[in-house]
Protein backbone atom coordinates (compact mmCIF):
# COMPACT_ATOMS: atom_id res chain seq x y z
CA UNK A 1 -49.83 95.05 95.18
CA UNK A 2 -48.88 98.07 93.15
CA UNK A 3 -50.19 101.51 94.06
CA UNK A 4 -50.06 104.56 91.77
CA UNK A 5 -51.52 108.01 92.27
CA UNK A 6 -52.63 110.54 89.67
CA UNK A 7 -54.26 113.94 90.06
CA UNK A 8 -57.24 115.24 88.10
CA UNK A 9 -58.29 118.80 89.01
CA UNK A 10 -57.88 118.35 92.77
CA UNK A 11 -59.14 114.76 92.79
CA UNK A 12 -56.55 112.08 93.45
CA UNK A 13 -56.98 108.69 91.83
CA UNK A 14 -55.26 105.89 93.73
CA UNK A 15 -54.87 103.00 91.32
CA UNK A 16 -54.58 99.61 93.00
CA UNK A 17 -53.22 96.53 91.20
CA UNK A 18 -53.29 93.09 92.84
CA UNK A 19 -54.96 91.74 95.96
CA UNK A 20 -56.18 94.02 98.73
CA UNK A 21 -55.05 92.07 101.79
CA UNK A 22 -52.95 92.30 104.95
CA UNK A 23 -49.70 92.27 102.95
CA UNK A 24 -50.40 95.78 101.64
CA UNK A 25 -51.96 97.40 104.71
CA UNK A 26 -48.98 99.62 105.54
CA UNK A 27 -48.41 100.73 101.93
CA UNK A 28 -52.12 101.44 101.51
CA UNK A 29 -52.38 103.51 104.71
CA UNK A 30 -49.20 105.44 103.96
CA UNK A 31 -50.45 106.29 100.47
CA UNK A 32 -53.82 107.52 101.73
CA UNK A 33 -52.35 109.58 104.59
CA UNK A 34 -49.87 111.17 102.15
CA UNK A 35 -52.65 112.05 99.71
CA UNK A 36 -54.84 113.61 102.39
CA UNK A 37 -51.86 115.46 103.90
CA UNK A 38 -51.53 117.27 100.56
CA UNK A 39 -54.99 118.76 101.20
CA UNK A 40 -56.85 116.78 98.60
CA UNK A 41 -60.60 117.12 98.81
CA UNK A 42 -61.45 113.95 96.90
CA UNK A 43 -60.02 110.47 96.46
CA UNK A 44 -61.08 107.81 93.99
CA UNK A 45 -59.81 104.30 94.62
CA UNK A 46 -59.48 102.73 91.18
CA UNK A 47 -60.22 99.10 92.01
CA UNK A 48 -60.26 97.85 88.41
CA UNK A 49 -56.97 96.02 88.97
CA UNK A 50 -58.06 94.36 92.22
CA UNK A 51 -59.32 90.80 91.89
CA UNK A 52 -59.64 89.87 95.54
CA UNK A 53 -60.32 91.53 98.89
CA UNK A 54 -59.85 89.61 102.13
CA UNK A 55 -61.00 90.61 105.62
CA UNK A 56 -57.87 92.72 106.14
CA UNK A 57 -58.58 94.46 102.83
CA UNK A 58 -62.15 95.18 103.91
CA UNK A 59 -60.74 96.61 107.14
CA UNK A 60 -58.47 98.88 105.07
CA UNK A 61 -61.43 100.10 103.00
CA UNK A 62 -63.37 100.91 106.17
CA UNK A 63 -60.31 102.65 107.60
CA UNK A 64 -59.89 104.84 104.49
CA UNK A 65 -63.61 105.69 104.57
CA UNK A 66 -63.35 106.78 108.21
CA UNK A 67 -60.04 108.59 107.70
CA UNK A 68 -61.49 110.51 104.77
CA UNK A 69 -64.55 111.47 106.82
CA UNK A 70 -62.34 112.69 109.69
CA UNK A 71 -60.32 114.82 107.27
CA UNK A 72 -63.24 116.20 105.23
CA UNK A 73 -62.18 114.32 102.13
CA UNK A 74 -64.72 112.59 99.92
CA UNK A 75 -64.11 108.99 98.84
CA UNK A 76 -65.31 107.08 95.78
CA UNK A 77 -64.62 103.52 94.64
CA UNK A 78 -64.42 102.82 90.90
CA UNK A 79 -64.11 99.79 88.67
CA UNK A 80 -64.97 97.01 91.10
CA UNK A 81 -65.09 93.65 89.34
CA UNK A 82 -67.87 91.12 89.98
CA UNK A 83 -65.86 89.28 92.64
CA UNK A 84 -65.07 92.40 94.67
CA UNK A 85 -68.61 93.72 94.27
CA UNK A 86 -69.95 90.41 95.56
CA UNK A 87 -67.58 90.51 98.55
CA UNK A 88 -68.88 93.96 99.48
CA UNK A 89 -72.47 92.77 99.05
CA UNK A 90 -72.02 89.60 101.12
CA UNK A 91 -70.41 91.55 103.94
CA UNK A 92 -73.12 94.21 103.65
CA UNK A 93 -70.51 96.89 103.10
CA UNK A 94 -71.60 97.90 99.59
CA UNK A 95 -73.86 100.62 100.99
CA UNK A 96 -70.94 102.08 102.96
CA UNK A 97 -69.20 103.28 99.81
CA UNK A 98 -70.04 105.48 96.86
CA UNK A 99 -69.24 103.09 93.99
CA UNK A 100 -68.96 103.79 90.26
CA UNK A 101 -68.54 101.32 87.43
CA UNK A 102 -66.23 103.67 85.52
CA UNK A 103 -63.29 105.71 86.76
CA UNK A 104 -64.23 108.72 84.63
CA UNK A 105 -67.69 108.93 86.20
CA UNK A 106 -66.24 108.68 89.70
CA UNK A 107 -63.84 111.56 88.98
CA UNK A 108 -66.60 113.67 87.36
CA UNK A 109 -68.84 113.12 90.39
CA UNK A 110 -66.72 115.64 92.30
CA UNK A 111 -67.57 118.45 89.85
């Protein structure tokens, strides 16, 4: 998995490319803790490049949600494809996240 970060007016977009699974857990956590350590108030996970989420990936999403809550940082998910959306629905986790179809709308939601 590739992870890139970009900043938009105090909102950090974390772009994920590849599969969200146990192989990327450490990289994912390190990226999120670094972003929050820089006092960011909002994070958007750009999931448009993610085609699959396994149970370890779901655990990472729940971890980032909880970590953001603990650190007073708002979280949004953007660009989920049909497969990833269905995975969140089947596991009944879709309601746990603030999801947006488009990255731009997710970023603007912080305004």
